[in-house]
Amino acid sequence: MELHPVRAQDVAALAEFLRRVDLTVSGLDAPTVRLWLVRDAVGAIIGSTGYELGAGGRDVLIRSVAVDPGIRSSGMGRRLARFAFDRASEEGARQAWLFSRRSGPFWQSLGFAPADRHALADALATTHQVQLFRQTGQLDREVAWFRPLSDDGRPRTLAAIR
């Protein structure tokens, strides 16, 4: 699996891919959003991953982790998620948050626990996804998840980061 940073010329194709897999596309070209993608042999996007840093850089919103439906259950999703954790940790993030209504068991297998959606929205108020969800009222329908990060992207206990 070879990941490539998303460039300006990739944003439209990535947005189309994310819409196909029913993920949010707001702010894909924002400077606080870090995104990578995986292409198949013919150049089609088959996976993506990324995050958006909150103000201060301590909290990060994991987003755009997606795998083409035809190759799910291959382990790619786990590798993509871990890649985002590692990069976010390298940038100084200590806590990872995300929204997911459908993939709870997947995220729990990676160390996430249910979280209060309003705590997420407060911690990451400046992110595009939180702002969109607040504006549209979608925030009240979302399911939030939380996971502390260590310097190497591995889970830590909540007590260790306080």
N, C-alpha and C. Protein backbone atom coordinates (compact mmCIF):
# COMPACT_ATOMS: atom_id res chain seq x y z
N MET A 1 0.86 -1.17 0.00
CA MET A 1 0.00 0.00 0.00
C MET A 1 0.90 1.23 0.00
N GLU A 2 0.80 2.03 -1.02
CA GLU A 2 1.59 3.25 -1.12
C GLU A 2 0.67 4.46 -0.96
N LEU A 3 0.94 5.23 0.08
CA LEU A 3 0.15 6.43 0.36
C LEU A 3 0.83 7.65 -0.25
N HIS A 4 0.00 8.53 -0.80
CA HIS A 4 0.49 9.77 -1.40
C HIS A 4 -0.25 10.94 -0.77
N PRO A 5 0.46 12.01 -0.42
CA PRO A 5 -0.24 13.20 0.09
C PRO A 5 -1.20 13.74 -0.98
N VAL A 6 -2.35 14.20 -0.55
CA VAL A 6 -3.33 14.77 -1.47
C VAL A 6 -2.81 16.13 -1.93
N ARG A 7 -2.79 16.32 -3.24
CA ARG A 7 -2.39 17.60 -3.83
C ARG A 7 -3.65 18.30 -4.33
N ALA A 8 -3.51 19.56 -4.67
CA ALA A 8 -4.66 20.35 -5.12
C ALA A 8 -5.39 19.66 -6.27
N GLN A 9 -4.65 19.06 -7.19
CA GLN A 9 -5.29 18.41 -8.34
C GLN A 9 -5.98 17.09 -7.98
N ASP A 10 -5.79 16.59 -6.75
CA ASP A 10 -6.44 15.35 -6.30
C ASP A 10 -7.76 15.59 -5.59
N VAL A 11 -8.02 16.83 -5.15
CA VAL A 11 -9.15 17.12 -4.26
C VAL A 11 -10.49 16.73 -4.88
N ALA A 12 -10.72 17.03 -6.14
CA ALA A 12 -12.02 16.71 -6.76
C ALA A 12 -12.24 15.19 -6.81
N ALA A 13 -11.21 14.45 -7.19
CA ALA A 13 -11.34 12.98 -7.25
C ALA A 13 -11.52 12.40 -5.86
N LEU A 14 -10.81 12.95 -4.87
CA LEU A 14 -10.98 12.48 -3.50
C LEU A 14 -12.39 12.77 -3.00
N ALA A 15 -12.90 13.96 -3.28
CA ALA A 15 -14.26 14.31 -2.87
C ALA A 15 -15.26 13.34 -3.48
N GLU A 16 -15.08 13.00 -4.73
CA GLU A 16 -15.99 12.04 -5.39
C GLU A 16 -15.91 10.68 -4.70
N PHE A 17 -14.70 10.22 -4.39
CA PHE A 17 -14.51 8.94 -3.70
C PHE A 17 -15.19 8.97 -2.33
N LEU A 18 -14.98 10.04 -1.57
CA LEU A 18 -15.57 10.14 -0.23
C LEU A 18 -17.09 10.21 -0.29
N ARG A 19 -17.64 10.89 -1.28
CA ARG A 19 -19.10 10.90 -1.43
C ARG A 19 -19.63 9.49 -1.71
N ARG A 20 -18.91 8.74 -2.55
CA ARG A 20 -19.33 7.37 -2.88
C ARG A 20 -19.38 6.49 -1.63
N VAL A 21 -18.48 6.72 -0.68
CA VAL A 21 -18.46 5.91 0.54
C VAL A 21 -19.16 6.62 1.70
N ASP A 22 -19.89 7.69 1.39
CA ASP A 22 -20.74 8.42 2.32
C ASP A 22 -19.98 9.07 3.48
N LEU A 23 -18.87 9.76 3.15
CA LEU A 23 -18.13 10.50 4.15
C LEU A 23 -18.17 11.99 3.82
N THR A 24 -17.92 12.80 4.83
CA THR A 24 -17.96 14.26 4.71
C THR A 24 -16.81 14.77 3.86
N VAL A 25 -17.12 15.77 3.02
CA VAL A 25 -16.10 16.32 2.13
C VAL A 25 -15.73 17.77 2.45
N SER A 26 -16.26 18.34 3.50
CA SER A 26 -15.98 19.75 3.79
C SER A 26 -14.51 19.95 4.16
N GLY A 27 -13.94 21.04 3.66
CA GLY A 27 -12.60 21.45 4.04
C GLY A 27 -11.46 20.60 3.53
N LEU A 28 -11.68 19.81 2.49
CA LEU A 28 -10.61 18.93 2.02
C LEU A 28 -9.36 19.68 1.58
N ASP A 29 -9.52 20.92 1.18
CA ASP A 29 -8.37 21.69 0.72
C ASP A 29 -7.88 22.71 1.75
N ALA A 30 -8.36 22.61 2.99
CA ALA A 30 -7.97 23.55 4.04
C ALA A 30 -6.55 23.25 4.53
N PRO A 31 -5.82 24.26 4.93
CA PRO A 31 -4.44 24.05 5.39
C PRO A 31 -4.32 23.23 6.68
N THR A 32 -5.37 23.15 7.48
CA THR A 32 -5.32 22.36 8.72
C THR A 32 -5.67 20.89 8.49
N VAL A 33 -6.07 20.54 7.27
CA VAL A 33 -6.47 19.17 6.95
C VAL A 33 -5.30 18.46 6.27
N ARG A 34 -4.92 17.32 6.81
CA ARG A 34 -3.86 16.49 6.23
C ARG A 34 -4.53 15.26 5.65
N LEU A 35 -4.30 15.00 4.38
CA LEU A 35 -4.94 13.86 3.70
C LEU A 35 -3.94 13.11 2.84
N TRP A 36 -4.16 11.79 2.76
CA TRP A 36 -3.37 10.92 1.91
C TRP A 36 -4.33 10.00 1.18
N LEU A 37 -3.87 9.47 0.05
CA LEU A 37 -4.71 8.53 -0.69
C LEU A 37 -3.89 7.39 -1.24
N VAL A 38 -4.61 6.33 -1.58
CA VAL A 38 -4.03 5.14 -2.20
C VAL A 38 -4.74 4.97 -3.53
N ARG A 39 -3.97 4.73 -4.58
CA ARG A 39 -4.54 4.49 -5.91
C ARG A 39 -4.23 3.07 -6.35
N ASP A 40 -5.11 2.52 -7.18
CA ASP A 40 -4.86 1.19 -7.73
C ASP A 40 -3.94 1.32 -8.95
N ALA A 41 -3.73 0.21 -9.64
CA ALA A 41 -2.79 0.18 -10.78
C ALA A 41 -3.22 1.09 -11.93
N VAL A 42 -4.51 1.38 -12.05
CA VAL A 42 -4.97 2.25 -13.14
C VAL A 42 -5.19 3.69 -12.68
N GLY A 43 -4.88 3.97 -11.42
CA GLY A 43 -4.96 5.34 -10.92
C GLY A 43 -6.23 5.71 -10.17
N ALA A 44 -7.15 4.77 -10.01
CA ALA A 44 -8.38 5.06 -9.27
C ALA A 44 -8.09 5.06 -7.77
N ILE A 45 -8.72 5.97 -7.06
CA ILE A 45 -8.56 6.03 -5.60
C ILE A 45 -9.28 4.84 -4.98
N ILE A 46 -8.54 4.09 -4.15
CA ILE A 46 -9.13 2.93 -3.48
C ILE A 46 -9.06 3.05 -1.96
N GLY A 47 -8.41 4.10 -1.47
CA GLY A 47 -8.32 4.31 -0.04
C GLY A 47 -7.89 5.73 0.27
N SER A 48 -8.26 6.19 1.45
CA SER A 48 -7.85 7.52 1.90
C SER A 48 -7.78 7.53 3.41
N THR A 49 -7.05 8.50 3.91
CA THR A 49 -6.94 8.69 5.35
C THR A 49 -6.53 10.13 5.62
N GLY A 50 -6.78 10.57 6.84
CA GLY A 50 -6.35 11.91 7.18
C GLY A 50 -6.85 12.36 8.53
N TYR A 51 -6.58 13.63 8.79
CA TYR A 51 -7.01 14.23 10.04
C TYR A 51 -7.01 15.74 9.87
N GLU A 52 -7.67 16.39 10.83
CA GLU A 52 -7.64 17.84 10.89
C GLU A 52 -7.24 18.25 12.30
N LEU A 53 -6.24 19.10 12.37
CA LEU A 53 -5.75 19.58 13.66
C LEU A 53 -6.70 20.62 14.24
N GLY A 54 -6.94 20.52 15.51
CA GLY A 54 -7.70 21.54 16.20
C GLY A 54 -6.78 22.70 16.57
N ALA A 55 -7.36 23.77 17.05
CA ALA A 55 -6.58 24.92 17.50
C ALA A 55 -5.64 24.45 18.61
N GLY A 56 -4.40 24.80 18.52
CA GLY A 56 -3.42 24.38 19.52
C GLY A 56 -2.72 23.08 19.17
N GLY A 57 -3.29 22.27 18.29
CA GLY A 57 -2.64 21.05 17.82
C GLY A 57 -2.67 19.87 18.76
N ARG A 58 -3.24 20.01 19.95
CA ARG A 58 -3.27 18.90 20.91
C ARG A 58 -4.34 17.87 20.54
N ASP A 59 -5.46 18.36 20.03
CA ASP A 59 -6.56 17.48 19.63
C ASP A 59 -6.61 17.39 18.11
N VAL A 60 -6.97 16.22 17.63
CA VAL A 60 -7.03 15.99 16.20
C VAL A 60 -8.33 15.24 15.86
N LEU A 61 -8.94 15.63 14.75
CA LEU A 61 -10.14 14.95 14.27
C LEU A 61 -9.72 14.01 13.15
N ILE A 62 -9.82 12.71 13.41
CA ILE A 62 -9.52 11.72 12.38
C ILE A 62 -10.66 11.76 11.37
N ARG A 63 -10.32 11.82 10.09
CA ARG A 63 -11.37 11.92 9.08
C ARG A 63 -10.90 11.33 7.76
N SER A 64 -11.87 11.03 6.94
CA SER A 64 -11.62 10.55 5.58
C SER A 64 -10.90 9.22 5.52
N VAL A 65 -11.03 8.39 6.58
CA VAL A 65 -10.47 7.04 6.54
C VAL A 65 -11.49 6.18 5.81
N ALA A 66 -11.13 5.77 4.59
CA ALA A 66 -12.09 5.04 3.75
C ALA A 66 -11.36 4.05 2.85
N VAL A 67 -12.04 2.95 2.59
CA VAL A 67 -11.54 1.91 1.70
C VAL A 67 -12.64 1.60 0.69
N ASP A 68 -12.25 1.44 -0.55
CA ASP A 68 -13.21 1.06 -1.59
C ASP A 68 -13.98 -0.18 -1.14
N PRO A 69 -15.31 -0.17 -1.27
CA PRO A 69 -16.11 -1.31 -0.79
C PRO A 69 -15.67 -2.67 -1.34
N GLY A 70 -15.12 -2.70 -2.53
CA GLY A 70 -14.70 -3.97 -3.13
C GLY A 70 -13.50 -4.61 -2.47
N ILE A 71 -12.76 -3.86 -1.66
CA ILE A 71 -11.57 -4.44 -1.02
C ILE A 71 -11.59 -4.27 0.50
N ARG A 72 -12.74 -4.03 1.06
CA ARG A 72 -12.84 -3.95 2.51
C ARG A 72 -12.54 -5.31 3.13
N SER A 73 -12.22 -5.32 4.39
CA SER A 73 -11.85 -6.51 5.16
C SER A 73 -10.50 -7.06 4.73
N SER A 74 -9.69 -6.24 4.08
CA SER A 74 -8.34 -6.65 3.66
C SER A 74 -7.27 -6.18 4.64
N GLY A 75 -7.67 -5.41 5.65
CA GLY A 75 -6.71 -4.83 6.59
C GLY A 75 -6.26 -3.43 6.20
N MET A 76 -6.66 -2.98 5.02
CA MET A 76 -6.25 -1.66 4.57
C MET A 76 -6.78 -0.56 5.49
N GLY A 77 -8.00 -0.67 5.94
CA GLY A 77 -8.58 0.35 6.81
C GLY A 77 -7.78 0.53 8.09
N ARG A 78 -7.36 -0.56 8.68
CA ARG A 78 -6.55 -0.49 9.90
C ARG A 78 -5.21 0.19 9.62
N ARG A 79 -4.59 -0.16 8.50
CA ARG A 79 -3.30 0.45 8.15
C ARG A 79 -3.47 1.94 7.88
N LEU A 80 -4.55 2.31 7.20
CA LEU A 80 -4.80 3.73 6.92
C LEU A 80 -5.04 4.52 8.21
N ALA A 81 -5.83 3.96 9.10
CA ALA A 81 -6.10 4.63 10.37
C ALA A 81 -4.82 4.80 11.18
N ARG A 82 -4.03 3.75 11.28
CA ARG A 82 -2.79 3.82 12.05
C ARG A 82 -1.82 4.84 11.45
N PHE A 83 -1.81 4.93 10.13
CA PHE A 83 -0.96 5.93 9.46
C PHE A 83 -1.36 7.32 9.94
N ALA A 84 -2.67 7.60 9.97
CA ALA A 84 -3.14 8.92 10.43
C ALA A 84 -2.76 9.15 11.89
N PHE A 85 -2.90 8.13 12.75
CA PHE A 85 -2.53 8.28 14.16
C PHE A 85 -1.05 8.66 14.28
N ASP A 86 -0.21 7.94 13.53
CA ASP A 86 1.23 8.18 13.60
C ASP A 86 1.58 9.59 13.13
N ARG A 87 1.02 10.02 12.01
CA ARG A 87 1.33 11.36 11.50
C ARG A 87 0.82 12.44 12.46
N ALA A 88 -0.37 12.24 13.01
CA ALA A 88 -0.92 13.22 13.96
C ALA A 88 -0.03 13.31 15.20
N SER A 89 0.42 12.17 15.70
CA SER A 89 1.32 12.17 16.86
C SER A 89 2.62 12.89 16.55
N GLU A 90 3.15 12.66 15.36
CA GLU A 90 4.39 13.34 14.96
C GLU A 90 4.21 14.86 14.94
N GLU A 91 2.98 15.31 14.66
CA GLU A 91 2.69 16.74 14.64
C GLU A 91 2.36 17.31 16.01
N GLY A 92 2.35 16.43 17.02
CA GLY A 92 2.13 16.89 18.38
C GLY A 92 0.75 16.60 18.95
N ALA A 93 -0.11 15.97 18.19
CA ALA A 93 -1.45 15.65 18.70
C ALA A 93 -1.33 14.64 19.84
N ARG A 94 -2.15 14.82 20.84
CA ARG A 94 -2.16 13.92 22.00
C ARG A 94 -3.46 13.16 22.14
N GLN A 95 -4.52 13.67 21.48
CA GLN A 95 -5.85 13.07 21.62
C GLN A 95 -6.51 13.03 20.25
N ALA A 96 -7.04 11.87 19.90
CA ALA A 96 -7.73 11.70 18.62
C ALA A 96 -9.23 11.53 18.86
N TRP A 97 -10.00 12.19 18.04
CA TRP A 97 -11.46 12.14 18.09
C TRP A 97 -11.96 11.82 16.69
N LEU A 98 -13.18 11.33 16.59
CA LEU A 98 -13.80 11.15 15.29
C LEU A 98 -15.30 10.99 15.45
N PHE A 99 -15.99 11.18 14.33
CA PHE A 99 -17.43 10.90 14.24
C PHE A 99 -17.61 9.63 13.43
N SER A 100 -18.46 8.72 13.90
CA SER A 100 -18.82 7.55 13.10
C SER A 100 -20.11 6.95 13.65
N ARG A 101 -21.12 6.94 12.80
CA ARG A 101 -22.40 6.33 13.19
C ARG A 101 -22.45 4.85 12.83
N ARG A 102 -21.66 4.42 11.86
CA ARG A 102 -21.77 3.05 11.35
C ARG A 102 -20.60 2.14 11.67
N SER A 103 -19.45 2.69 12.01
CA SER A 103 -18.24 1.87 12.11
C SER A 103 -17.69 1.76 13.52
N GLY A 104 -18.55 1.82 14.51
CA GLY A 104 -18.11 1.74 15.90
C GLY A 104 -17.22 0.55 16.21
N PRO A 105 -17.62 -0.67 15.83
CA PRO A 105 -16.77 -1.83 16.15
C PRO A 105 -15.36 -1.72 15.54
N PHE A 106 -15.27 -1.19 14.33
CA PHE A 106 -13.95 -0.99 13.71
C PHE A 106 -13.11 -0.05 14.56
N TRP A 107 -13.67 1.09 14.93
CA TRP A 107 -12.91 2.08 15.70
C TRP A 107 -12.59 1.56 17.10
N GLN A 108 -13.51 0.82 17.71
CA GLN A 108 -13.23 0.24 19.03
C GLN A 108 -12.06 -0.73 18.95
N SER A 109 -11.95 -1.47 17.85
CA SER A 109 -10.83 -2.41 17.70
C SER A 109 -9.49 -1.68 17.60
N LEU A 110 -9.53 -0.38 17.35
CA LEU A 110 -8.32 0.44 17.26
C LEU A 110 -8.13 1.31 18.51
N GLY A 111 -8.86 0.99 19.57
CA GLY A 111 -8.66 1.67 20.84
C GLY A 111 -9.56 2.85 21.13
N PHE A 112 -10.55 3.11 20.27
CA PHE A 112 -11.46 4.23 20.52
C PHE A 112 -12.57 3.80 21.46
N ALA A 113 -13.06 4.75 22.23
CA ALA A 113 -14.18 4.54 23.13
C ALA A 113 -15.24 5.59 22.81
N PRO A 114 -16.50 5.29 23.10
CA PRO A 114 -17.55 6.30 22.87
C PRO A 114 -17.22 7.58 23.64
N ALA A 115 -17.58 8.70 23.04
CA ALA A 115 -17.31 10.00 23.65
C ALA A 115 -18.54 10.89 23.51
N ASP A 116 -18.57 11.95 24.28
CA ASP A 116 -19.65 12.91 24.18
C ASP A 116 -19.43 13.77 22.93
N ARG A 117 -20.42 13.83 22.07
CA ARG A 117 -20.28 14.59 20.80
C ARG A 117 -20.03 16.07 21.06
N HIS A 118 -20.59 16.60 22.14
CA HIS A 118 -20.38 18.01 22.44
C HIS A 118 -18.97 18.26 22.99
N ALA A 119 -18.40 17.28 23.69
CA ALA A 119 -17.00 17.40 24.13
C ALA A 119 -16.08 17.41 22.91
N LEU A 120 -16.39 16.56 21.94
CA LEU A 120 -15.62 16.58 20.68
C LEU A 120 -15.75 17.94 20.01
N ALA A 121 -16.97 18.43 19.89
CA ALA A 121 -17.22 19.70 19.22
C ALA A 121 -16.53 20.86 19.94
N ASP A 122 -16.46 20.81 21.26
CA ASP A 122 -15.76 21.85 22.01
C ASP A 122 -14.25 21.77 21.80
N ALA A 123 -13.71 20.54 21.83
CA ALA A 123 -12.27 20.35 21.67
C ALA A 123 -11.80 20.71 20.27
N LEU A 124 -12.68 20.53 19.28
CA LEU A 124 -12.31 20.72 17.87
C LEU A 124 -13.22 21.72 17.18
N ALA A 125 -13.58 22.77 17.89
CA ALA A 125 -14.56 23.75 17.39
C ALA A 125 -14.15 24.41 16.08
N THR A 126 -12.86 24.51 15.82
CA THR A 126 -12.40 25.21 14.61
C THR A 126 -12.34 24.31 13.38
N THR A 127 -12.58 23.02 13.53
CA THR A 127 -12.47 22.12 12.38
C THR A 127 -13.68 22.26 11.46
N HIS A 128 -13.44 22.01 10.20
CA HIS A 128 -14.49 22.15 9.19
C HIS A 128 -15.68 21.23 9.44
N GLN A 129 -15.40 19.99 9.80
CA GLN A 129 -16.48 19.03 10.02
C GLN A 129 -17.35 19.44 11.20
N VAL A 130 -16.75 19.88 12.30
CA VAL A 130 -17.53 20.32 13.46
C VAL A 130 -18.36 21.55 13.09
N GLN A 131 -17.75 22.50 12.42
CA GLN A 131 -18.50 23.69 12.03
C GLN A 131 -19.67 23.33 11.12
N LEU A 132 -19.44 22.45 10.16
CA LEU A 132 -20.52 22.01 9.27
C LEU A 132 -21.63 21.33 10.06
N PHE A 133 -21.27 20.41 10.95
CA PHE A 133 -22.26 19.67 11.71
C PHE A 133 -23.06 20.59 12.64
N ARG A 134 -22.42 21.60 13.18
CA ARG A 134 -23.15 22.57 14.02
C ARG A 134 -24.11 23.39 13.17
N GLN A 135 -23.66 23.86 12.02
CA GLN A 135 -24.50 24.69 11.14
C GLN A 135 -25.71 23.94 10.62
N THR A 136 -25.55 22.67 10.31
CA THR A 136 -26.64 21.90 9.71
C THR A 136 -27.50 21.16 10.72
N GLY A 137 -27.11 21.16 12.00
CA GLY A 137 -27.84 20.42 13.02
C GLY A 137 -27.49 18.95 13.06
N GLN A 138 -26.54 18.53 12.23
CA GLN A 138 -26.15 17.12 12.18
C GLN A 138 -25.41 16.67 13.43
N LEU A 139 -24.82 17.62 14.16
CA LEU A 139 -24.07 17.27 15.36
C LEU A 139 -24.91 16.44 16.32
N ASP A 140 -26.18 16.77 16.47
CA ASP A 140 -27.04 16.05 17.41
C ASP A 140 -27.37 14.62 16.97
N ARG A 141 -27.06 14.27 15.73
CA ARG A 141 -27.29 12.91 15.22
C ARG A 141 -26.02 12.08 15.14
N GLU A 142 -24.91 12.69 15.46
CA GLU A 142 -23.62 12.01 15.30
C GLU A 142 -23.24 11.19 16.52
N VAL A 143 -22.34 10.24 16.31
CA VAL A 143 -21.76 9.43 17.37
C VAL A 143 -20.27 9.77 17.41
N ALA A 144 -19.79 10.17 18.57
CA ALA A 144 -18.40 10.58 18.72
C ALA A 144 -17.59 9.47 19.38
N TRP A 145 -16.28 9.48 19.05
CA TRP A 145 -15.33 8.51 19.58
C TRP A 145 -14.05 9.24 19.97
N PHE A 146 -13.35 8.68 20.97
CA PHE A 146 -12.14 9.29 21.50
C PHE A 146 -11.08 8.24 21.75
N ARG A 147 -9.84 8.66 21.54
CA ARG A 147 -8.70 7.79 21.86
C ARG A 147 -7.48 8.66 22.15
N PRO A 148 -6.87 8.49 23.32
CA PRO A 148 -5.60 9.19 23.57
C PRO A 148 -4.53 8.64 22.63
N LEU A 149 -3.57 9.47 22.30
CA LEU A 149 -2.44 9.06 21.48
C LEU A 149 -1.16 9.18 22.30
N SER A 150 -0.19 8.36 21.98
CA SER A 150 1.14 8.53 22.55
C SER A 150 2.01 9.14 21.46
N ASP A 151 3.26 9.35 21.76
CA ASP A 151 4.16 9.93 20.76
C ASP A 151 4.33 9.02 19.55
N ASP A 152 4.12 7.73 19.73
CA ASP A 152 4.29 6.81 18.61
C ASP A 152 2.94 6.37 18.01
N GLY A 153 1.85 7.05 18.35
CA GLY A 153 0.55 6.74 17.79
C GLY A 153 -0.19 5.62 18.48
N ARG A 154 0.43 4.98 19.46
CA ARG A 154 -0.23 3.89 20.16
C ARG A 154 -1.13 4.45 21.26
N PRO A 155 -2.14 3.67 21.65
CA PRO A 155 -3.05 4.15 22.69
C PRO A 155 -2.33 4.41 24.01
N ARG A 156 -2.83 5.36 24.75
CA ARG A 156 -2.38 5.64 26.10
C ARG A 156 -3.60 5.68 26.99
N THR A 157 -3.37 5.63 28.26
CA THR A 157 -4.50 5.78 29.17
C THR A 157 -4.84 7.26 29.28
N LEU A 158 -6.09 7.55 29.55
CA LEU A 158 -6.52 8.93 29.70
C LEU A 158 -5.78 9.59 30.85
N ALA A 159 -5.53 8.87 31.92
CA ALA A 159 -4.82 9.43 33.07
C ALA A 159 -3.41 9.87 32.70
N ALA A 160 -2.79 9.20 31.73
CA ALA A 160 -1.41 9.52 31.36
C ALA A 160 -1.30 10.83 30.60
N ILE A 161 -2.41 11.35 30.06
CA ILE A 161 -2.30 12.58 29.28
C ILE A 161 -2.78 13.80 30.07
N ARG A 162 -3.25 13.60 31.25
CA ARG A 162 -3.74 14.74 32.06
C ARG A 162 -2.62 15.39 32.82
